[in-house]
Amino acid sequence: MSVYRAHFSRFLSAAPDRLHLAAHSHHPWPDVSYNGHMAAWFDAAELADDKWDKVFGEVIPEAQGHVARQLGLSDPATVAFSPSTHTLLMRLLSCLPPAVQVLTTDAEFHSFSRQMRRLEEDRLAVVTRVAAEPFGTFPARFAEAAARGGHDLVHLSHVHYNSGYVTPDLHQVVSAAPPDALVVVDGYHGFMALPTDLSAIEGRAFYLAGGYKYAMAGEGACFLHCPPGWCPRPRDTGWFAGFTAMTEAQDGPVPYAPDGSRFLGATLDPAPLYRFNAVQRWLDGLGVTVDTIHTHVGRLQKLLLDRLDDEGRAMLVPGVGEVDDRGNFLTFRRPDAGDLYQRLHDAEVVTDFRDDRLRIGFGLYHDENSVDELCRRWAQVKA
């Protein structure tokens, strides 16, 4: 039995027969997140309008500190929070010229790829997409495309959402971009899943992630690391970006702080940040690091792959031995991915699929028994 499973009792007991294997999507929340959520409610009741002094004076700085520590950032103040990564993306785009020239991959999550496609429809973006596969040559191919220049925005994922492929050397890719290009790393499938040190690129690249997946904090706790000096005055801006000057006369040029708060928007629900802080404190108290989580998940991934037959292992993307590391989920390219997902779901096994790819993700709340139970139910639905 996993020593961590008991810490997820509220989520797991709510549906005791459900085998949740989508930690890369809607990660179950540990019990401490309930306490954090309720703390937000009680602060709202007790402090009312004055709660914002606590949110900006205590809650946000604590959350910034946790993010900075997990990512090796030297200054927590570079971190700005928002309800979604999409709002932060739009704020970044507001810093760029119309008909923005974009270099990206064909493996970006929908919050970015859908927006780019829509801008292309109205000729507001010209997008070059580097193919993720073959994975072995991806870093060199992407770096070469970035080095050619001509792009206002260079955007790629640390972990590809549709395969679990890990970009092995972010520094190499970021360094290849010309000095005038805006570089953005989507870290949502990597944050709190893979040990990540941004110290070498913190002055050059923006980094997007959030709490919905491996940070185990639920929706609404998304953030952007904002390298100093880049995009000092986003056109898409809200009153939170001027919170400290709110009582002053609103005339003259719109002021911005030089830290990450320049990318803040308007009113947000602070409860997700309370949950995020509670989960981070819980992990610290247990001595659980991101490396602990990744090692635990990697062991379970190996157990599952060892249980599969040759045909099942052959469907793995990236293939067995093709990469040195992968994200905290396994991806199988199958023509019946949607059908298998539904059959597993009917058997109360929660996975997910994207096009022809079935994704299975493990977390701290899983153990060897979880792998055994998955294999048992999988065999039943295949019979």
Protein backbone atom coordinates (compact mmCIF):
# COMPACT_ATOMS: atom_id res chain seq x y z
CA MET A 1 0.00 0.00 0.00
CA SER A 2 1.32 3.46 -0.91
CA VAL A 3 2.28 5.42 2.20
CA TYR A 4 0.78 8.48 0.49
CA ARG A 5 -2.60 7.03 -0.45
CA ALA A 6 -4.18 7.75 2.94
CA HIS A 7 -3.56 11.46 2.39
CA PHE A 8 -6.09 11.43 -0.48
CA SER A 9 -8.93 9.89 1.53
CA ARG A 10 -11.59 12.49 0.68
CA PHE A 11 -11.17 12.15 -3.09
CA LEU A 12 -10.68 8.39 -3.10
CA SER A 13 -13.56 7.59 -0.73
CA ALA A 14 -15.95 9.74 -2.77
CA ALA A 15 -15.89 7.03 -5.47
CA PRO A 16 -14.23 3.95 -3.89
CA ASP A 17 -14.61 1.73 -6.97
CA ARG A 18 -13.09 4.28 -9.31
CA LEU A 19 -9.53 3.59 -10.44
CA HIS A 20 -8.26 7.03 -11.34
CA LEU A 21 -5.36 6.96 -13.80
CA ALA A 22 -5.43 10.51 -15.10
CA ALA A 23 -3.07 12.31 -12.74
CA HIS A 24 -1.84 14.25 -15.77
CA SER A 25 -5.33 15.67 -16.23
CA HIS A 26 -7.55 16.12 -13.19
CA HIS A 27 -5.22 15.12 -10.37
CA PRO A 28 -7.00 14.09 -7.15
CA TRP A 29 -6.54 16.65 -4.42
CA PRO A 30 -4.89 15.58 -1.15
CA ASP A 31 -6.93 16.09 2.00
CA VAL A 32 -4.93 19.16 3.05
CA SER A 33 -6.33 21.02 0.05
CA TYR A 34 -9.74 20.92 1.73
CA ASN A 35 -8.29 22.76 4.70
CA GLY A 36 -6.73 25.32 2.39
CA HIS A 37 -9.99 25.81 0.53
CA MET A 38 -11.90 26.33 3.75
CA ALA A 39 -9.25 28.76 5.02
CA ALA A 40 -10.02 30.94 2.00
CA TRP A 41 -13.71 30.86 2.87
CA PHE A 42 -13.15 31.77 6.50
CA ASP A 43 -10.76 34.59 5.60
CA ALA A 44 -13.40 35.98 3.24
CA ALA A 45 -16.00 35.81 6.00
CA GLU A 46 -13.79 37.31 8.68
CA LEU A 47 -11.92 39.91 6.63
CA ALA A 48 -14.41 40.72 3.84
CA ASP A 49 -12.89 43.54 1.74
CA ASP A 50 -9.73 43.48 3.83
CA LYS A 51 -9.01 39.94 2.65
CA TRP A 52 -7.11 41.38 -0.34
CA ASP A 53 -4.49 42.77 2.01
CA LYS A 54 -3.87 39.23 3.22
CA VAL A 55 -4.03 37.76 -0.29
CA PHE A 56 -1.45 40.21 -1.65
CA GLY A 57 0.54 40.43 1.57
CA GLU A 58 0.72 36.74 2.55
CA VAL A 59 -0.99 34.25 0.24
CA ILE A 60 0.50 35.34 -3.08
CA PRO A 61 4.05 35.84 -1.70
CA GLU A 62 3.94 32.36 -0.16
CA ALA A 63 2.75 30.85 -3.44
CA GLN A 64 5.44 32.74 -5.36
CA GLY A 65 8.03 31.35 -2.97
CA HIS A 66 6.88 27.79 -3.53
CA VAL A 67 7.00 28.18 -7.32
CA ALA A 68 10.44 29.78 -7.20
CA ARG A 69 11.80 27.01 -4.99
CA GLN A 70 10.44 24.26 -7.21
CA LEU A 71 11.87 25.84 -10.36
CA GLY A 72 15.19 27.22 -9.12
CA LEU A 73 14.16 30.84 -9.66
CA SER A 74 16.24 33.44 -7.86
CA ASP A 75 13.43 35.96 -7.41
CA PRO A 76 9.89 34.86 -6.42
CA ALA A 77 8.55 38.28 -7.47
CA THR A 78 8.90 37.29 -11.14
CA VAL A 79 5.88 34.97 -10.73
CA ALA A 80 2.39 36.23 -11.69
CA PHE A 81 -0.81 34.25 -11.06
CA SER A 82 -3.98 33.95 -13.11
CA PRO A 83 -7.02 31.64 -13.31
CA SER A 84 -5.76 30.03 -16.53
CA THR A 85 -2.68 29.80 -18.70
CA HIS A 86 -4.77 31.02 -21.63
CA THR A 87 -5.31 34.44 -20.03
CA LEU A 88 -1.56 34.69 -19.50
CA LEU A 89 -0.92 33.64 -23.09
CA MET A 90 -3.25 36.37 -24.35
CA ARG A 91 -1.44 38.89 -22.18
CA LEU A 92 1.86 37.81 -23.73
CA LEU A 93 0.40 38.09 -27.23
CA SER A 94 -0.72 41.62 -26.40
CA CYS A 95 2.97 42.54 -26.20
CA LEU A 96 3.61 41.44 -29.79
CA PRO A 97 2.82 43.03 -33.16
CA PRO A 98 -0.17 42.06 -35.35
CA ALA A 99 0.46 39.25 -37.81
CA VAL A 100 2.76 37.77 -35.19
CA GLN A 101 5.42 35.39 -36.51
CA VAL A 102 5.38 32.22 -34.39
CA LEU A 103 7.66 29.20 -34.15
CA THR A 104 6.20 26.25 -32.26
CA THR A 105 5.65 22.49 -32.48
CA ASP A 106 2.85 20.25 -33.68
CA ALA A 107 2.49 18.90 -30.12
CA GLU A 108 1.24 21.92 -28.17
CA PHE A 109 -1.77 21.77 -25.88
CA HIS A 110 -5.10 23.16 -27.06
CA SER A 111 -4.93 26.39 -25.03
CA PHE A 112 -2.10 27.45 -27.34
CA SER A 113 -2.69 25.48 -30.55
CA ARG A 114 -6.38 26.39 -30.84
CA GLN A 115 -5.63 30.08 -30.31
CA MET A 116 -2.90 30.03 -32.94
CA ARG A 117 -5.16 28.31 -35.47
CA ARG A 118 -7.86 30.92 -34.88
CA LEU A 119 -5.39 33.78 -35.35
CA GLU A 120 -4.19 32.13 -38.55
CA GLU A 121 -7.75 32.10 -39.87
CA ASP A 122 -7.84 35.90 -39.66
CA ARG A 123 -4.23 36.28 -40.83
CA LEU A 124 -3.19 37.66 -37.47
CA ALA A 125 -0.49 35.04 -37.06
CA VAL A 126 1.95 33.20 -39.29
CA VAL A 127 2.83 29.94 -37.57
CA THR A 128 5.69 27.55 -38.32
CA ARG A 129 5.31 24.16 -36.65
CA VAL A 130 8.24 21.82 -36.11
CA ALA A 131 7.21 18.15 -36.02
CA ALA A 132 7.77 16.51 -32.64
CA GLU A 133 8.61 13.18 -34.26
CA PRO A 134 11.09 11.69 -34.71
CA PHE A 135 11.82 12.48 -31.08
CA GLY A 136 15.53 11.73 -31.30
CA THR A 137 16.18 14.69 -33.57
CA PHE A 138 13.57 17.09 -32.22
CA PRO A 139 15.83 19.31 -30.04
CA ALA A 140 18.32 19.88 -32.84
CA ARG A 141 15.60 20.49 -35.44
CA PHE A 142 13.75 22.96 -33.23
CA ALA A 143 16.94 24.78 -32.22
CA GLU A 144 17.95 25.06 -35.87
CA ALA A 145 14.55 26.52 -36.78
CA ALA A 146 14.77 28.99 -33.89
CA ALA A 147 18.29 30.06 -34.85
CA ARG A 148 17.14 30.99 -38.37
CA GLY A 149 15.23 33.87 -36.77
CA GLY A 150 12.32 35.85 -38.12
CA HIS A 151 9.99 34.93 -35.27
CA ASP A 152 8.38 37.24 -32.73
CA LEU A 153 7.39 34.30 -30.51
CA VAL A 154 9.13 30.96 -29.93
CA HIS A 155 6.84 28.62 -27.99
CA LEU A 156 7.37 24.98 -27.02
CA SER A 157 6.40 22.53 -24.29
CA HIS A 158 8.77 21.07 -21.74
CA VAL A 159 6.69 17.86 -21.75
CA HIS A 160 4.53 17.19 -24.82
CA TYR A 161 0.95 16.63 -23.74
CA ASN A 162 0.18 14.03 -26.42
CA SER A 163 3.16 11.74 -25.82
CA GLY A 164 4.93 12.51 -22.53
CA TYR A 165 8.09 13.32 -24.50
CA VAL A 166 10.46 15.51 -22.48
CA THR A 167 12.43 18.22 -24.25
CA PRO A 168 15.83 17.16 -22.89
CA ASP A 169 17.73 20.44 -22.92
CA LEU A 170 15.63 23.57 -22.58
CA HIS A 171 18.77 25.68 -22.28
CA GLN A 172 19.96 24.54 -25.71
CA VAL A 173 16.66 25.42 -27.35
CA VAL A 174 16.21 28.74 -25.55
CA SER A 175 19.79 29.78 -26.28
CA ALA A 176 19.29 29.11 -29.98
CA ALA A 177 16.58 31.76 -30.30
CA PRO A 178 17.72 35.19 -31.51
CA PRO A 179 17.99 37.80 -28.73
CA ASP A 180 14.92 39.74 -29.89
CA ALA A 181 12.52 36.74 -29.91
CA LEU A 182 10.05 36.22 -27.08
CA VAL A 183 10.58 32.67 -25.75
CA VAL A 184 7.82 30.85 -23.87
CA VAL A 185 8.06 27.38 -22.32
CA ASP A 186 4.78 25.61 -21.55
CA GLY A 187 5.62 23.70 -18.39
CA TYR A 188 2.15 22.53 -17.38
CA HIS A 189 2.85 18.82 -17.94
CA GLY A 190 6.26 19.14 -16.31
CA PHE A 191 5.69 21.30 -13.23
CA MET A 192 5.78 19.11 -10.09
CA ALA A 193 6.18 16.04 -12.32
CA LEU A 194 9.80 16.42 -13.42
CA PRO A 195 12.59 18.03 -11.41
CA THR A 196 12.99 21.36 -13.22
CA ASP A 197 15.72 23.95 -12.80
CA LEU A 198 15.19 27.15 -14.76
CA SER A 199 18.09 29.04 -13.23
CA ALA A 200 20.09 28.99 -16.47
CA ILE A 201 17.25 30.47 -18.53
CA GLU A 202 15.27 32.48 -15.96
CA GLY A 203 16.46 35.76 -17.43
CA ARG A 204 15.54 34.78 -20.99
CA ALA A 205 12.37 32.65 -21.08
CA PHE A 206 8.82 32.96 -19.84
CA TYR A 207 7.47 29.78 -18.20
CA LEU A 208 3.76 28.84 -18.00
CA ALA A 209 2.25 26.23 -15.68
CA GLY A 210 -0.41 25.73 -13.04
CA GLY A 211 -1.89 23.72 -10.20
CA TYR A 212 -4.52 21.57 -11.93
CA LYS A 213 -2.23 18.66 -12.72
CA TYR A 214 0.78 17.51 -10.71
CA ALA A 215 0.71 20.38 -8.23
CA MET A 216 -2.52 18.74 -6.96
CA ALA A 217 -4.18 22.08 -6.18
CA GLY A 218 -7.05 22.04 -8.66
CA GLU A 219 -8.14 24.66 -11.13
CA GLY A 220 -7.38 28.36 -10.98
CA ALA A 221 -3.78 28.46 -9.72
CA CYS A 222 -1.93 29.12 -12.97
CA PHE A 223 1.22 31.19 -13.15
CA LEU A 224 3.77 32.81 -15.41
CA HIS A 225 7.45 33.35 -14.66
CA CYS A 226 8.29 36.71 -16.22
CA PRO A 227 11.98 37.37 -16.95
CA PRO A 228 12.97 40.92 -15.96
CA GLY A 229 12.91 43.51 -18.73
CA TRP A 230 10.81 41.53 -21.17
CA CYS A 231 7.40 42.90 -22.20
CA PRO A 232 7.30 45.72 -19.63
CA ARG A 233 3.82 47.04 -20.59
CA PRO A 234 1.30 44.38 -21.77
CA ARG A 235 -1.65 45.96 -23.58
CA ASP A 236 -3.94 43.33 -22.04
CA THR A 237 -3.95 44.48 -18.43
CA GLY A 238 -6.25 44.58 -15.42
CA TRP A 239 -6.60 46.40 -12.13
CA PHE A 240 -4.60 43.80 -10.20
CA ALA A 241 -1.53 44.95 -12.13
CA GLY A 242 -1.97 48.33 -10.48
CA PHE A 243 -3.24 47.14 -7.12
CA THR A 244 -0.80 49.17 -5.03
CA ALA A 245 -1.69 52.37 -6.93
CA MET A 246 -5.44 51.78 -6.92
CA THR A 247 -6.26 54.72 -4.60
CA GLU A 248 -4.22 57.24 -6.58
CA ALA A 249 -5.45 59.46 -9.41
CA GLN A 250 -5.74 57.43 -12.61
CA ASP A 251 -4.22 59.81 -15.13
CA GLY A 252 -1.06 59.95 -17.21
CA PRO A 253 0.59 56.85 -18.70
CA VAL A 254 -0.62 53.54 -17.29
CA PRO A 255 1.98 52.49 -14.69
CA TYR A 256 3.48 49.00 -14.41
CA ALA A 257 5.73 47.47 -11.78
CA PRO A 258 8.95 45.90 -13.10
CA ASP A 259 8.29 42.53 -11.43
CA GLY A 260 5.89 39.76 -12.46
CA SER A 261 2.87 41.76 -11.30
CA ARG A 262 2.96 43.60 -14.63
CA PHE A 263 1.24 40.50 -16.05
CA LEU A 264 -1.59 40.38 -13.54
CA GLY A 265 -5.15 40.74 -14.78
CA ALA A 266 -8.36 41.45 -12.93
CA THR A 267 -10.14 39.90 -9.95
CA LEU A 268 -9.31 36.26 -9.35
CA ASP A 269 -10.58 33.69 -6.88
CA PRO A 270 -7.80 33.33 -4.28
CA ALA A 271 -9.04 29.93 -3.05
CA PRO A 272 -6.87 27.98 -5.54
CA LEU A 273 -3.77 29.69 -4.16
CA TYR A 274 -4.78 28.74 -0.61
CA ARG A 275 -5.08 25.14 -1.83
CA PHE A 276 -1.75 25.35 -3.63
CA ASN A 277 0.01 26.64 -0.52
CA ALA A 278 -1.57 23.95 1.65
CA VAL A 279 -0.41 21.19 -0.70
CA GLN A 280 3.11 22.61 -0.91
CA ARG A 281 3.36 22.78 2.89
CA TRP A 282 2.08 19.20 3.11
CA LEU A 283 4.71 17.94 0.67
CA ASP A 284 7.43 19.82 2.53
CA GLY A 285 6.28 18.32 5.81
CA LEU A 286 6.47 14.80 4.39
CA GLY A 287 9.85 15.47 2.80
CA VAL A 288 8.36 14.67 -0.62
CA THR A 289 10.22 16.30 -3.49
CA VAL A 290 9.44 16.38 -7.19
CA ASP A 291 12.18 13.79 -7.60
CA THR A 292 10.33 11.59 -5.08
CA ILE A 293 7.15 11.86 -7.14
CA HIS A 294 8.86 11.25 -10.48
CA THR A 295 10.77 8.23 -9.17
CA HIS A 296 7.62 6.74 -7.67
CA VAL A 297 5.70 7.19 -10.92
CA GLY A 298 8.57 5.85 -13.02
CA ARG A 299 8.61 2.64 -10.99
CA LEU A 300 4.86 2.14 -11.55
CA GLN A 301 5.24 2.87 -15.26
CA LYS A 302 7.88 0.16 -15.51
CA LEU A 303 5.66 -2.30 -13.64
CA LEU A 304 2.85 -1.71 -16.11
CA LEU A 305 5.07 -1.97 -19.18
CA ASP A 306 6.54 -5.21 -17.84
CA ARG A 307 3.00 -6.60 -17.57
CA LEU A 308 2.06 -5.74 -21.16
CA ASP A 309 2.56 -8.08 -24.08
CA ASP A 310 4.81 -7.23 -27.02
CA GLU A 311 1.91 -5.75 -28.99
CA GLY A 312 0.96 -3.44 -26.13
CA ARG A 313 4.53 -2.24 -25.58
CA ALA A 314 4.93 -1.65 -29.32
CA MET A 315 2.17 0.97 -29.15
CA LEU A 316 4.03 3.07 -26.57
CA VAL A 317 4.94 6.63 -27.66
CA PRO A 318 7.84 7.40 -27.39
CA GLY A 319 8.86 3.78 -27.74
CA VAL A 320 10.58 1.68 -25.09
CA GLY A 321 14.23 2.77 -25.01
CA GLU A 322 13.61 5.64 -27.43
CA VAL A 323 14.06 8.36 -24.78
CA ASP A 324 15.97 8.68 -21.52
CA ASP A 325 13.01 10.08 -19.62
CA ARG A 326 9.32 10.72 -20.07
CA GLY A 327 6.60 12.64 -18.27
CA ASN A 328 4.43 11.14 -15.55
CA PHE A 329 2.05 9.47 -17.98
CA LEU A 330 2.29 6.73 -20.60
CA THR A 331 0.92 7.27 -24.10
CA PHE A 332 -0.17 4.46 -26.40
CA ARG A 333 -0.86 5.10 -30.08
CA ARG A 334 -3.88 2.94 -30.88
CA PRO A 335 -6.49 3.14 -33.63
CA ASP A 336 -9.09 2.18 -31.01
CA ALA A 337 -7.97 4.73 -28.40
CA GLY A 338 -11.40 6.33 -28.03
CA ASP A 339 -13.21 3.01 -27.88
CA LEU A 340 -10.78 1.56 -25.33
CA TYR A 341 -11.05 4.70 -23.23
CA GLN A 342 -14.84 4.31 -23.12
CA ARG A 343 -14.68 0.60 -22.27
CA LEU A 344 -12.24 1.33 -19.46
CA HIS A 345 -14.41 4.20 -18.28
CA ASP A 346 -17.43 1.88 -18.17
CA ALA A 347 -15.30 -0.36 -15.94
CA GLU A 348 -14.63 2.68 -13.69
CA VAL A 349 -11.07 3.11 -14.90
CA VAL A 350 -10.40 6.78 -15.63
CA THR A 351 -7.85 7.37 -18.39
CA ASP A 352 -8.13 9.80 -21.29
CA PHE A 353 -7.38 9.92 -24.98
CA ARG A 354 -6.33 12.50 -27.54
CA ASP A 355 -7.04 11.53 -31.14
CA ASP A 356 -5.42 8.09 -31.54
CA ARG A 357 -3.50 8.19 -28.25
CA LEU A 358 -4.59 6.68 -24.95
CA ARG A 359 -2.94 8.28 -21.90
CA ILE A 360 -2.44 6.59 -18.52
CA GLY A 361 -1.00 8.60 -15.66
CA PHE A 362 0.15 7.57 -12.19
CA GLY A 363 0.53 9.70 -9.07
CA LEU A 364 1.48 9.52 -5.41
CA TYR A 365 -1.87 7.93 -4.60
CA HIS A 366 -1.05 4.84 -6.68
CA ASP A 367 0.91 1.72 -5.76
CA GLU A 368 1.61 -1.79 -7.08
CA ASN A 369 -1.98 -2.79 -6.32
CA SER A 370 -3.16 -0.02 -8.66
CA VAL A 371 -1.16 -1.55 -11.50
CA ASP A 372 -2.55 -5.00 -10.72
CA GLU A 373 -6.11 -3.68 -10.69
CA LEU A 374 -5.61 -1.82 -13.96
CA CYS A 375 -4.32 -4.97 -15.63
CA ARG A 376 -7.24 -7.00 -14.27
CA ARG A 377 -9.89 -4.59 -15.51
CA TRP A 378 -8.08 -4.03 -18.80
CA ALA A 379 -8.11 -7.79 -19.43
CA GLN A 380 -11.83 -7.89 -18.67
CA VAL A 381 -12.77 -5.15 -21.15
CA LYS A 382 -10.62 -6.75 -23.85
CA ALA A 383 -12.24 -10.15 -23.38
